[in-house]
Amino acid sequence: MIKKCLFIVILILCTNIYFSYGQTVNPNEKEMQWFADAKLGVFIHWGIYAVNGIDESWSFYNDYISYEDYMKQLSGFTASKFNVDSWVDLIKESGAKYAVLTAKHHDGVALWDTKFSELNVVDRTPAKKDLVAPFCNTLRKNKLKVGLYYSLIDWSHPDYPAKTKSYKRYENDSLRWNKFVNFYSSQVKELVTNYKPDLIWFDGDWEHSAEEWQSKKLRNDLKSWKRGIIINSRINGYGDYATPEQGIPINRPKNKYWELCMTMNDSWGYQANDKNYKSVNQIIRLFSDCISNGGNLLLDIGPKQDGTIAQEQIDILKGLGRWTKKHAEAIYGTKEGLPPGYFYGPSTISKDKKTLYLFLPYKPNKTIVLKGLKNKINRIRVVGNGTKLSHKIYSKAYWSNVPGIVYIDVPEYVLDEELTVIAIQLKGELDFYKEK
């Protein structure tokens, strides 16, 4: 009986986590347009956890380190070399159109001068300055969209039920819980009204229900505090877009708007001993999969405690930027590509539906193959250098309405060093054969 009850509890928890990450309400289409067109963002996990290079918040919650030792990092967080202009220049160079900064993680340490808690970098660290304001202002100056991450969970707050997985402050105390809800909603309002982000990125909803968090009210309040703000799904499904984490979806998500958040190595924040970085090629291929399936990529960096960024992370963003700049027309403002089976690789479609872009995450053996295309082809060219490519159509029977197979010649000399993109300019809007 105990095992059965435990299984049911685990099943409910897993269902709630999936719902919060994978389901959304019906968002406003006009508000979501910039997000749908942007395709690429940069996630920035920066906090006191960079001092010792340990897991953000989870390291004390999971009892890997004591809470007291974790908080000793406050004295080592200096932000002494924080150069927001160099950050934003790098973000722009990567091809990202927005960035999201962890204004407050589960440890409760705020990167701004909040009046609702003394646990912030202005009052409690040598940094002694608001780090959110220059970030937001510089992004706007560079015409990039502003995103702020806020953890609903606050394991440091005296009125939050949990402190670590083995230490709970209280259970079933509605008075203290309501005090915490008032605290977090006041802090969110302060963040949104003071810094006016275009996007707010919540985390931590899994520990309580939508009713307990007052998620529906939170959504309505946010929309009234900042016109046009968009919200990720991690307020128990009351957000505007889904946020799968680390693992790219195998099948095309049902949500119209979604974003994969992913680390460059195995850590969100800076950890000097984590050298398991993905290559530029691997990240480009993952990014191509995202946009082919109608999603965005939010690629994470973790600055050091002084505000500098590790060279490995700089190199990846620069390498990604070379590729996004060259292939911009196939990325920004495009729509999800062909369903599986028509082409061996990712694809996107231009907004007017008259150009099909094929991504080649491999070195072709002389030709690539496209099936099911009903349109006539006006031109095929290599994106980024304009080389015209020849093609032939085979297996088109005059008595069948099934289109022929398009074979496109792709010589080796036109290949990009990371991933080549082919543009097929069509006569009319894309029309492909669908089996009944």
Protein backbone atom coordinates (compact mmCIF):
# COMPACT_ATOMS: atom_id res chain seq x y z
CA MET A 1 0.00 0.00 0.00
CA ILE A 2 2.83 2.38 0.91
CA LYS A 3 4.62 1.64 -2.37
CA LYS A 4 1.41 2.26 -4.31
CA CYS A 5 0.85 5.62 -2.59
CA LEU A 6 4.47 6.63 -3.22
CA PHE A 7 4.11 5.77 -6.92
CA ILE A 8 0.96 7.93 -7.17
CA VAL A 9 2.73 10.87 -5.50
CA ILE A 10 5.70 10.58 -7.89
CA LEU A 11 3.35 10.35 -10.87
CA ILE A 12 1.49 13.49 -9.78
CA LEU A 13 4.77 15.39 -9.28
CA CYS A 14 6.07 14.35 -12.71
CA THR A 15 2.77 15.32 -14.32
CA ASN A 16 2.87 18.74 -12.67
CA ILE A 17 6.46 19.34 -13.80
CA TYR A 18 5.62 18.37 -17.39
CA PHE A 19 2.57 20.61 -17.36
CA SER A 20 4.45 23.63 -16.09
CA TYR A 21 7.30 23.22 -18.58
CA GLY A 22 5.24 22.03 -21.52
CA GLN A 23 1.81 23.65 -21.41
CA THR A 24 0.70 27.25 -21.76
CA VAL A 25 -2.40 29.41 -21.97
CA ASN A 26 -3.43 31.04 -25.24
CA PRO A 27 -0.98 33.92 -25.69
CA ASN A 28 -1.56 37.20 -27.48
CA GLU A 29 -0.26 36.68 -31.04
CA LYS A 30 0.93 40.28 -31.48
CA GLU A 31 2.80 40.25 -28.16
CA MET A 32 4.56 37.02 -29.14
CA GLN A 33 5.67 38.10 -32.61
CA TRP A 34 9.10 39.45 -31.65
CA PHE A 35 9.79 36.25 -29.69
CA ALA A 36 8.74 34.04 -32.60
CA ASP A 37 11.02 35.99 -34.97
CA ALA A 38 14.01 36.20 -32.60
CA LYS A 39 14.97 32.48 -32.59
CA LEU A 40 18.08 32.92 -30.41
CA GLY A 41 18.59 34.25 -26.90
CA VAL A 42 21.40 34.16 -24.33
CA PHE A 43 20.70 32.95 -20.79
CA ILE A 44 23.00 34.37 -18.09
CA HIS A 45 23.35 32.54 -14.77
CA TRP A 46 25.30 34.92 -12.53
CA GLY A 47 25.33 34.90 -8.77
CA ILE A 48 27.35 34.18 -5.65
CA TYR A 49 27.66 30.51 -6.68
CA ALA A 50 30.35 31.63 -9.17
CA VAL A 51 32.69 32.46 -6.25
CA ASN A 52 33.41 28.81 -5.42
CA GLY A 53 32.21 27.50 -8.78
CA ILE A 54 29.48 25.27 -7.36
CA ASP A 55 25.91 24.41 -8.30
CA GLU A 56 23.61 27.41 -7.96
CA SER A 57 21.33 26.98 -4.89
CA TRP A 58 21.02 23.21 -5.31
CA SER A 59 24.41 22.61 -3.71
CA PHE A 60 23.07 23.55 -0.26
CA TYR A 61 19.51 22.38 -0.85
CA ASN A 62 20.78 18.86 -1.61
CA ASP A 63 23.11 18.98 1.43
CA TYR A 64 26.31 18.86 -0.66
CA ILE A 65 27.46 21.91 1.29
CA SER A 66 26.00 23.57 4.36
CA TYR A 67 23.74 26.58 3.91
CA GLU A 68 26.15 28.63 6.04
CA ASP A 69 29.17 27.72 3.89
CA TYR A 70 27.20 28.46 0.72
CA MET A 71 26.31 31.93 1.97
CA LYS A 72 29.95 32.69 2.81
CA GLN A 73 30.31 33.26 -0.93
CA LEU A 74 28.53 36.59 -0.47
CA SER A 75 31.82 38.08 0.72
CA GLY A 76 33.61 36.99 -2.46
CA PHE A 77 31.14 38.30 -5.06
CA THR A 78 32.74 41.50 -6.32
CA ALA A 79 31.53 42.14 -9.89
CA SER A 80 34.76 44.16 -10.02
CA LYS A 81 35.32 43.62 -13.76
CA PHE A 82 31.70 43.67 -14.85
CA ASN A 83 31.65 45.43 -18.21
CA VAL A 84 28.09 45.40 -19.43
CA ASP A 85 29.04 46.86 -22.82
CA SER A 86 31.35 43.93 -23.56
CA TRP A 87 28.63 41.51 -22.45
CA VAL A 88 26.09 43.04 -24.79
CA ASP A 89 28.56 43.33 -27.67
CA LEU A 90 29.19 39.58 -27.33
CA ILE A 91 25.46 38.82 -27.16
CA LYS A 92 24.89 40.83 -30.33
CA GLU A 93 27.81 39.18 -32.09
CA SER A 94 26.36 35.74 -31.34
CA GLY A 95 23.23 36.64 -33.30
CA ALA A 96 20.98 36.56 -30.23
CA LYS A 97 18.05 38.97 -30.25
CA TYR A 98 17.33 38.83 -26.51
CA ALA A 99 19.02 37.92 -23.23
CA VAL A 100 17.76 36.69 -19.86
CA LEU A 101 19.62 37.45 -16.61
CA THR A 102 19.07 35.53 -13.36
CA ALA A 103 17.88 38.45 -11.24
CA LYS A 104 17.25 36.02 -8.35
CA HIS A 105 17.88 32.28 -8.11
CA HIS A 106 16.48 29.81 -5.54
CA ASP A 107 19.09 30.97 -3.00
CA GLY A 108 17.20 34.25 -2.67
CA VAL A 109 20.15 36.52 -3.48
CA ALA A 110 18.86 39.42 -5.59
CA LEU A 111 21.10 41.15 -8.14
CA TRP A 112 19.26 44.42 -7.63
CA ASP A 113 18.67 46.78 -4.71
CA THR A 114 15.35 45.31 -3.62
CA LYS A 115 13.56 47.05 -0.79
CA PHE A 116 11.83 43.82 0.26
CA SER A 117 14.93 41.90 1.37
CA GLU A 118 18.43 42.68 2.62
CA LEU A 119 19.68 39.57 0.84
CA ASN A 120 20.93 41.36 -2.26
CA VAL A 121 24.27 42.20 -3.86
CA VAL A 122 24.03 45.88 -2.90
CA ASP A 123 23.66 45.28 0.83
CA ARG A 124 25.49 41.98 1.32
CA THR A 125 28.37 41.73 -1.17
CA PRO A 126 31.46 43.77 -2.12
CA ALA A 127 29.78 44.50 -5.47
CA LYS A 128 27.72 47.21 -3.71
CA LYS A 129 25.74 48.06 -6.83
CA ASP A 130 22.60 47.22 -8.75
CA LEU A 131 23.57 44.84 -11.56
CA VAL A 132 20.15 44.55 -13.20
CA ALA A 133 19.73 48.20 -14.22
CA PRO A 134 22.86 48.52 -16.42
CA PHE A 135 22.09 45.14 -18.01
CA CYS A 136 18.57 46.20 -19.01
CA ASN A 137 19.58 49.68 -20.13
CA THR A 138 22.45 48.47 -22.31
CA LEU A 139 20.37 45.78 -23.99
CA ARG A 140 17.73 48.37 -24.89
CA LYS A 141 20.36 50.79 -26.17
CA ASN A 142 21.48 48.03 -28.53
CA LYS A 143 17.90 47.23 -29.62
CA LEU A 144 17.89 43.82 -27.93
CA LYS A 145 14.96 42.52 -25.93
CA VAL A 146 15.29 42.32 -22.14
CA GLY A 147 14.55 39.18 -20.14
CA LEU A 148 14.76 38.70 -16.37
CA TYR A 149 14.75 35.37 -14.54
CA TYR A 150 13.03 35.18 -11.17
CA SER A 151 12.78 32.15 -8.90
CA LEU A 152 9.44 31.71 -7.18
CA ILE A 153 11.26 29.46 -4.71
CA ASP A 154 13.32 31.29 -2.08
CA TRP A 155 15.05 28.78 0.21
CA SER A 156 16.57 31.62 2.24
CA HIS A 157 13.33 33.42 3.10
CA PRO A 158 12.14 32.77 6.69
CA ASP A 159 8.53 32.38 5.53
CA TYR A 160 9.25 29.87 2.75
CA PRO A 161 8.45 26.29 3.90
CA ALA A 162 11.67 24.60 2.76
CA LYS A 163 15.31 25.45 3.40
CA THR A 164 16.96 22.20 2.30
CA LYS A 165 15.54 18.85 1.24
CA SER A 166 16.16 17.56 4.78
CA TYR A 167 15.03 20.66 6.69
CA LYS A 168 11.52 22.07 6.47
CA ARG A 169 10.60 25.19 8.40
CA TYR A 170 6.91 24.38 8.64
CA GLU A 171 3.96 22.50 7.17
CA ASN A 172 0.38 23.67 6.68
CA ASP A 173 0.90 27.17 8.05
CA SER A 174 -1.32 29.30 5.82
CA LEU A 175 -0.45 32.53 7.62
CA ARG A 176 3.27 32.20 6.93
CA TRP A 177 2.64 30.99 3.38
CA ASN A 178 0.46 34.02 2.63
CA LYS A 179 3.20 36.28 4.00
CA PHE A 180 5.63 34.65 1.56
CA VAL A 181 3.22 35.00 -1.37
CA ASN A 182 2.88 38.70 -0.56
CA PHE A 183 6.68 38.97 -0.43
CA TYR A 184 7.38 37.29 -3.75
CA SER A 185 4.57 39.10 -5.60
CA SER A 186 5.80 42.45 -4.23
CA GLN A 187 9.33 41.65 -5.35
CA VAL A 188 8.15 40.64 -8.83
CA LYS A 189 6.17 43.87 -9.11
CA GLU A 190 9.25 45.83 -8.07
CA LEU A 191 11.36 44.06 -10.69
CA VAL A 192 8.84 44.54 -13.49
CA THR A 193 7.83 48.14 -12.76
CA ASN A 194 11.41 49.33 -12.14
CA TYR A 195 13.17 47.58 -15.02
CA LYS A 196 10.32 46.98 -17.49
CA PRO A 197 11.53 43.69 -19.01
CA ASP A 198 10.06 42.47 -22.29
CA LEU A 199 10.09 38.92 -20.92
CA ILE A 200 10.00 37.41 -17.45
CA TRP A 201 11.39 33.92 -16.97
CA PHE A 202 10.02 32.15 -13.88
CA ASP A 203 11.40 29.01 -12.29
CA GLY A 204 10.56 26.81 -9.30
CA ASP A 205 6.81 26.41 -9.63
CA TRP A 206 6.98 22.65 -9.04
CA GLU A 207 7.08 22.95 -5.23
CA HIS A 208 3.54 24.32 -4.99
CA SER A 209 0.27 24.33 -6.90
CA ALA A 210 -1.13 27.07 -9.13
CA GLU A 211 -3.65 27.87 -6.40
CA GLU A 212 -0.93 28.22 -3.76
CA TRP A 213 1.27 30.40 -5.97
CA GLN A 214 -1.82 32.32 -7.17
CA SER A 215 -0.49 31.82 -10.67
CA LYS A 216 -3.56 33.08 -12.52
CA LYS A 217 -3.53 36.30 -10.49
CA LEU A 218 0.21 36.64 -11.07
CA ARG A 219 -0.29 36.41 -14.82
CA ASN A 220 -3.03 39.04 -14.78
CA ASP A 221 -0.96 41.34 -12.55
CA LEU A 222 2.07 41.06 -14.83
CA LYS A 223 0.04 41.96 -17.90
CA SER A 224 -1.25 45.04 -16.07
CA TRP A 225 2.14 46.10 -14.68
CA LYS A 226 3.90 45.94 -18.04
CA ARG A 227 1.99 46.09 -21.29
CA GLY A 228 3.11 43.44 -23.76
CA ILE A 229 5.29 41.48 -21.33
CA ILE A 230 5.57 37.80 -22.19
CA ILE A 231 5.90 35.02 -19.63
CA ASN A 232 7.45 31.58 -19.76
CA SER A 233 5.39 28.53 -18.78
CA ARG A 234 6.85 27.94 -15.33
CA ILE A 235 3.98 29.38 -13.35
CA ASN A 236 2.01 26.16 -13.48
CA GLY A 237 1.11 26.55 -17.15
CA TYR A 238 -0.11 30.16 -17.01
CA GLY A 239 2.69 31.44 -19.22
CA ASP A 240 2.86 32.26 -22.92
CA TYR A 241 5.45 29.75 -24.11
CA ALA A 242 6.84 26.35 -23.12
CA THR A 243 10.38 25.88 -21.79
CA PRO A 244 11.89 22.42 -22.26
CA GLU A 245 15.28 22.20 -20.54
CA GLN A 246 18.55 20.68 -21.82
CA GLY A 247 16.95 17.90 -23.91
CA ILE A 248 15.66 19.00 -27.30
CA PRO A 249 12.15 17.63 -27.97
CA ILE A 250 12.13 14.48 -30.11
CA ASN A 251 8.79 15.35 -31.71
CA ARG A 252 7.55 18.78 -32.71
CA PRO A 253 5.98 20.34 -29.59
CA LYS A 254 2.25 20.99 -29.59
CA ASN A 255 2.78 24.49 -28.22
CA LYS A 256 3.02 27.12 -30.93
CA TYR A 257 5.70 28.98 -28.97
CA TRP A 258 8.54 27.23 -27.17
CA GLU A 259 12.17 27.70 -26.21
CA LEU A 260 14.88 25.19 -25.32
CA CYS A 261 17.15 26.41 -22.52
CA MET A 262 20.52 24.70 -22.73
CA THR A 263 23.98 24.94 -21.19
CA MET A 264 27.22 25.15 -23.16
CA ASN A 265 28.83 22.58 -20.88
CA ASP A 266 27.16 20.73 -17.98
CA SER A 267 26.72 23.72 -15.66
CA TRP A 268 24.42 26.76 -15.61
CA GLY A 269 26.69 28.97 -13.50
CA TYR A 270 30.46 29.31 -13.83
CA GLN A 271 32.36 26.21 -12.72
CA ALA A 272 36.06 26.31 -13.53
CA ASN A 273 36.45 22.54 -13.50
CA ASP A 274 33.64 21.91 -15.98
CA LYS A 275 35.43 21.73 -19.32
CA ASN A 276 32.85 19.55 -21.05
CA TYR A 277 31.87 22.22 -23.58
CA LYS A 278 29.85 21.43 -26.65
CA SER A 279 31.50 22.35 -29.92
CA VAL A 280 30.25 25.23 -32.06
CA ASN A 281 29.09 22.65 -34.60
CA GLN A 282 27.07 20.75 -32.00
CA ILE A 283 25.37 23.93 -30.81
CA ILE A 284 24.56 25.04 -34.36
CA ARG A 285 23.01 21.66 -35.09
CA LEU A 286 20.90 21.81 -31.92
CA PHE A 287 19.86 25.36 -32.81
CA SER A 288 18.88 24.23 -36.31
CA ASP A 289 16.70 21.51 -34.83
CA CYS A 290 14.98 24.07 -32.60
CA ILE A 291 14.07 26.51 -35.35
CA SER A 292 13.13 23.68 -37.73
CA ASN A 293 10.49 22.68 -35.17
CA GLY A 294 9.25 26.23 -34.61
CA GLY A 295 11.15 26.94 -31.40
CA ASN A 296 13.88 29.18 -30.01
CA LEU A 297 17.20 28.38 -28.36
CA LEU A 298 18.17 30.11 -25.09
CA LEU A 299 21.88 29.34 -24.81
CA ASP A 300 23.41 29.75 -21.37
CA ILE A 301 26.62 31.39 -20.21
CA GLY A 302 27.91 31.63 -16.64
CA PRO A 303 30.11 34.65 -15.90
CA LYS A 304 32.77 34.49 -13.18
CA GLN A 305 32.15 36.28 -9.86
CA ASP A 306 34.04 39.36 -11.10
CA GLY A 307 31.85 39.64 -14.18
CA THR A 308 34.31 38.35 -16.77
CA ILE A 309 33.31 35.56 -19.15
CA ALA A 310 35.41 32.43 -19.68
CA GLN A 311 37.26 32.31 -23.00
CA GLU A 312 35.61 29.00 -23.93
CA GLN A 313 32.21 30.66 -23.73
CA ILE A 314 33.36 33.70 -25.68
CA ASP A 315 34.73 31.48 -28.44
CA ILE A 316 31.47 29.56 -28.72
CA LEU A 317 29.37 32.73 -28.98
CA LYS A 318 31.70 34.19 -31.59
CA GLY A 319 31.68 30.97 -33.62
CA LEU A 320 27.90 30.82 -33.44
CA GLY A 321 27.77 34.47 -34.49
CA ARG A 322 29.83 33.89 -37.62
CA TRP A 323 27.32 31.25 -38.70
CA THR A 324 24.13 33.15 -37.77
CA LYS A 325 25.34 36.29 -39.58
CA LYS A 326 26.03 34.34 -42.75
CA HIS A 327 22.71 32.48 -42.67
CA ALA A 328 20.46 35.18 -41.16
CA GLU A 329 17.79 34.95 -43.87
CA ALA A 330 17.22 31.26 -43.07
CA ILE A 331 16.91 31.93 -39.33
CA TYR A 332 15.20 35.14 -38.24
CA GLY A 333 11.53 35.62 -38.94
CA THR A 334 11.17 32.17 -40.48
CA LYS A 335 8.57 29.53 -39.68
CA GLU A 336 8.90 25.86 -38.77
CA GLY A 337 10.04 23.67 -41.61
CA LEU A 338 8.90 20.50 -43.32
CA PRO A 339 7.45 17.61 -41.34
CA PRO A 340 9.67 14.52 -40.96
CA GLY A 341 10.15 12.38 -44.04
CA TYR A 342 10.40 15.04 -46.74
CA PHE A 343 14.06 15.90 -46.21
CA TYR A 344 16.93 14.38 -44.23
CA GLY A 345 17.70 17.35 -42.02
CA PRO A 346 16.23 20.49 -40.44
CA SER A 347 14.43 23.09 -42.52
CA THR A 348 12.68 26.44 -42.21
CA ILE A 349 10.25 28.39 -44.39
CA SER A 350 10.30 32.10 -45.10
CA LYS A 351 7.49 34.22 -43.72
CA ASP A 352 5.92 34.60 -47.19
CA LYS A 353 6.18 30.79 -47.62
CA LYS A 354 7.95 31.16 -50.97
CA THR A 355 11.44 30.09 -49.92
CA LEU A 356 12.32 26.76 -48.35
CA TYR A 357 15.61 26.54 -46.46
CA LEU A 358 17.34 23.16 -46.09
CA PHE A 359 20.01 22.74 -43.40
CA LEU A 360 22.77 20.21 -44.04
CA PRO A 361 24.29 18.95 -40.77
CA TYR A 362 26.39 16.53 -42.81
CA LYS A 363 28.67 16.48 -45.84
CA PRO A 364 26.47 15.44 -48.79
CA ASN A 365 27.45 12.55 -51.00
CA LYS A 366 27.18 14.59 -54.23
CA THR A 367 23.42 15.26 -53.95
CA ILE A 368 20.70 15.92 -51.39
CA VAL A 369 17.14 14.65 -51.81
CA LEU A 370 13.81 16.41 -51.32
CA LYS A 371 10.52 14.52 -51.54
CA GLY A 372 6.90 15.59 -51.87
CA LEU A 373 7.43 19.10 -53.25
CA LYS A 374 4.49 20.11 -55.46
CA ASN A 375 5.77 23.58 -56.40
CA LYS A 376 7.83 24.43 -59.42
CA ILE A 377 11.35 25.56 -58.50
CA ASN A 378 12.53 28.98 -59.66
CA ARG A 379 16.07 28.83 -58.28
CA ILE A 380 18.23 26.91 -55.82
CA ARG A 381 21.18 28.68 -54.22
CA VAL A 382 23.62 28.42 -51.34
CA VAL A 383 22.76 30.81 -48.51
CA GLY A 384 25.60 33.16 -47.68
CA ASN A 385 27.44 32.99 -51.00
CA GLY A 386 24.72 32.93 -53.65
CA THR A 387 26.07 30.03 -55.71
CA LYS A 388 23.34 28.66 -57.95
CA LEU A 389 22.86 24.90 -57.72
CA SER A 390 21.53 22.56 -60.38
CA HIS A 391 18.82 19.97 -59.76
CA LYS A 392 16.91 17.18 -61.49
CA ILE A 393 13.52 15.64 -60.82
CA TYR A 394 13.07 11.88 -61.08
CA SER A 395 10.22 9.38 -60.57
CA LYS A 396 7.41 11.71 -61.61
CA ALA A 397 4.77 9.56 -63.27
CA TYR A 398 2.35 11.46 -65.53
CA TRP A 399 -0.59 9.42 -64.22
CA SER A 400 0.12 10.09 -60.50
CA ASN A 401 -0.42 13.17 -58.35
CA VAL A 402 2.58 12.19 -56.21
CA PRO A 403 5.42 14.68 -56.95
CA GLY A 404 8.75 13.52 -58.25
CA ILE A 405 11.92 13.35 -56.17
CA VAL A 406 14.18 16.40 -56.35
CA TYR A 407 17.92 15.70 -56.46
CA ILE A 408 20.08 18.76 -55.82
CA ASP A 409 23.78 18.82 -56.66
CA VAL A 410 25.87 20.22 -53.77
CA PRO A 411 29.57 20.43 -54.67
CA GLU A 412 32.07 20.32 -51.83
CA TYR A 413 33.48 23.79 -52.52
CA VAL A 414 30.21 25.51 -51.49
CA LEU A 415 30.03 23.85 -48.05
CA ASP A 416 30.14 25.95 -44.88
CA GLU A 417 32.76 24.92 -42.33
CA GLU A 418 30.03 24.15 -39.79
CA LEU A 419 26.64 23.70 -41.45
CA THR A 420 25.53 24.59 -44.98
CA VAL A 421 22.10 26.02 -45.79
CA ILE A 422 20.39 25.73 -49.18
CA ALA A 423 17.59 28.09 -50.28
CA ILE A 424 14.92 26.80 -52.69
CA GLN A 425 12.98 29.68 -54.21
CA LEU A 426 9.52 28.46 -55.20
CA LYS A 427 6.85 29.49 -57.62
CA GLY A 428 4.02 30.37 -55.26
CA GLU A 429 3.64 29.43 -51.60
CA LEU A 430 5.10 26.15 -50.42
CA ASP A 431 2.84 23.22 -51.24
CA PHE A 432 3.84 19.66 -50.42
CA TYR A 433 2.15 16.35 -50.94
CA LYS A 434 0.26 14.87 -48.00
CA GLU A 435 -0.73 11.24 -48.02
CA LYS A 436 -4.34 10.52 -47.17
